[in-house]
């Protein structure tokens, strides 16, 4: 079975959504422009979900 390769940019949509959900609209716009990010799938895990998983 092949391992899935993960790269740091895979987290960009999570960071963008986190910024928007927490009302950091200007930072979200700047981040989206710099990173080329768009909205993530609404059913995807959030940045907080990922963080909480690793704190267990």
C-alpha atoms as a PDB file:
ATOM      1  CA  UNK A   1       0.000   0.000   0.000  1.00  0.00           C
ATOM      2  CA  UNK A   2       1.353   3.429  -0.962  1.00  0.00           C
ATOM      3  CA  UNK A   3       1.673   6.120   1.679  1.00  0.00           C
ATOM      4  CA  UNK A   4      -0.075   9.422   1.084  1.00  0.00           C
ATOM      5  CA  UNK A   5       2.390  12.259   0.711  1.00  0.00           C
ATOM      6  CA  UNK A   6       1.453  15.295   2.769  1.00  0.00           C
ATOM      7  CA  UNK A   7       2.932  18.733   2.183  1.00  0.00           C
ATOM      8  CA  UNK A   8       2.640  21.885   4.317  1.00  0.00           C
ATOM      9  CA  UNK A   9       0.427  23.598   1.744  1.00  0.00           C
ATOM     10  CA  UNK A  10      -2.251  20.974   2.470  1.00  0.00           C
ATOM     11  CA  UNK A  11      -2.959  22.984   5.638  1.00  0.00           C
ATOM     12  CA  UNK A  12      -3.504  26.284   3.814  1.00  0.00           C
ATOM     13  CA  UNK A  13      -7.276  25.834   3.314  1.00  0.00           C
ATOM     14  CA  UNK A  14      -7.606  24.980   7.019  1.00  0.00           C
ATOM     15  CA  UNK A  15      -5.704  28.110   8.045  1.00  0.00           C
ATOM     16  CA  UNK A  16      -7.749  30.262   5.660  1.00  0.00           C
ATOM     17  CA  UNK A  17     -11.038  28.923   7.017  1.00  0.00           C
ATOM     18  CA  UNK A  18      -9.828  29.375  10.608  1.00  0.00           C
ATOM     19  CA  UNK A  19      -9.020  33.021   9.904  1.00  0.00           C
ATOM     20  CA  UNK A  20     -12.442  33.643   8.344  1.00  0.00           C
ATOM     21  CA  UNK A  21     -14.375  31.822  11.078  1.00  0.00           C
ATOM     22  CA  UNK A  22     -12.624  33.910  13.723  1.00  0.00           C
ATOM     23  CA  UNK A  23     -13.299  37.223  11.971  1.00  0.00           C
ATOM     24  CA  UNK A  24      -9.740  37.888  10.785  1.00  0.00           C
ATOM     25  CA  UNK A  25     -11.094  38.915   7.384  1.00  0.00           C
ATOM     26  CA  UNK A  26      -8.199  41.152   6.337  1.00  0.00           C
ATOM     27  CA  UNK A  27      -5.631  38.517   7.303  1.00  0.00           C
ATOM     28  CA  UNK A  28      -7.680  35.888   5.458  1.00  0.00           C
ATOM     29  CA  UNK A  29      -7.738  37.999   2.272  1.00  0.00           C
ATOM     30  CA  UNK A  30      -3.988  38.636   2.421  1.00  0.00           C
ATOM     31  CA  UNK A  31      -3.283  34.968   3.165  1.00  0.00           C
ATOM     32  CA  UNK A  32      -5.567  33.783   0.345  1.00  0.00           C
ATOM     33  CA  UNK A  33      -3.859  36.091  -2.132  1.00  0.00           C
ATOM     34  CA  UNK A  34      -0.344  35.099  -1.044  1.00  0.00           C
ATOM     35  CA  UNK A  35      -1.034  31.359  -0.816  1.00  0.00           C
ATOM     36  CA  UNK A  36      -3.539  31.015  -3.657  1.00  0.00           C
ATOM     37  CA  UNK A  37      -6.101  29.461  -1.333  1.00  0.00           C
ATOM     38  CA  UNK A  38      -9.843  29.112  -1.812  1.00  0.00           C
ATOM     39  CA  UNK A  39     -12.592  27.953   0.541  1.00  0.00           C
ATOM     40  CA  UNK A  40     -12.279  24.404   1.801  1.00  0.00           C
ATOM     41  CA  UNK A  41     -14.961  21.738   1.625  1.00  0.00           C
ATOM     42  CA  UNK A  42     -17.484  22.511   4.402  1.00  0.00           C
ATOM     43  CA  UNK A  43     -17.452  18.832   5.392  1.00  0.00           C
ATOM     44  CA  UNK A  44     -13.663  18.741   5.834  1.00  0.00           C
ATOM     45  CA  UNK A  45     -12.036  18.708   9.260  1.00  0.00           C
ATOM     46  CA  UNK A  46     -11.233  22.105  10.743  1.00  0.00           C
ATOM     47  CA  UNK A  47      -7.866  23.296  11.967  1.00  0.00           C
ATOM     48  CA  UNK A  48      -9.164  22.956  15.536  1.00  0.00           C
ATOM     49  CA  UNK A  49     -10.235  19.359  14.825  1.00  0.00           C
ATOM     50  CA  UNK A  50      -6.705  18.535  13.679  1.00  0.00           C
ATOM     51  CA  UNK A  51      -5.163  20.333  16.661  1.00  0.00           C
ATOM     52  CA  UNK A  52      -7.462  18.607  19.168  1.00  0.00           C
ATOM     53  CA  UNK A  53      -6.715  15.209  17.621  1.00  0.00           C
ATOM     54  CA  UNK A  54      -2.971  15.662  18.146  1.00  0.00           C
ATOM     55  CA  UNK A  55      -3.400  16.876  21.729  1.00  0.00           C
ATOM     56  CA  UNK A  56      -5.023  13.593  22.763  1.00  0.00           C
END
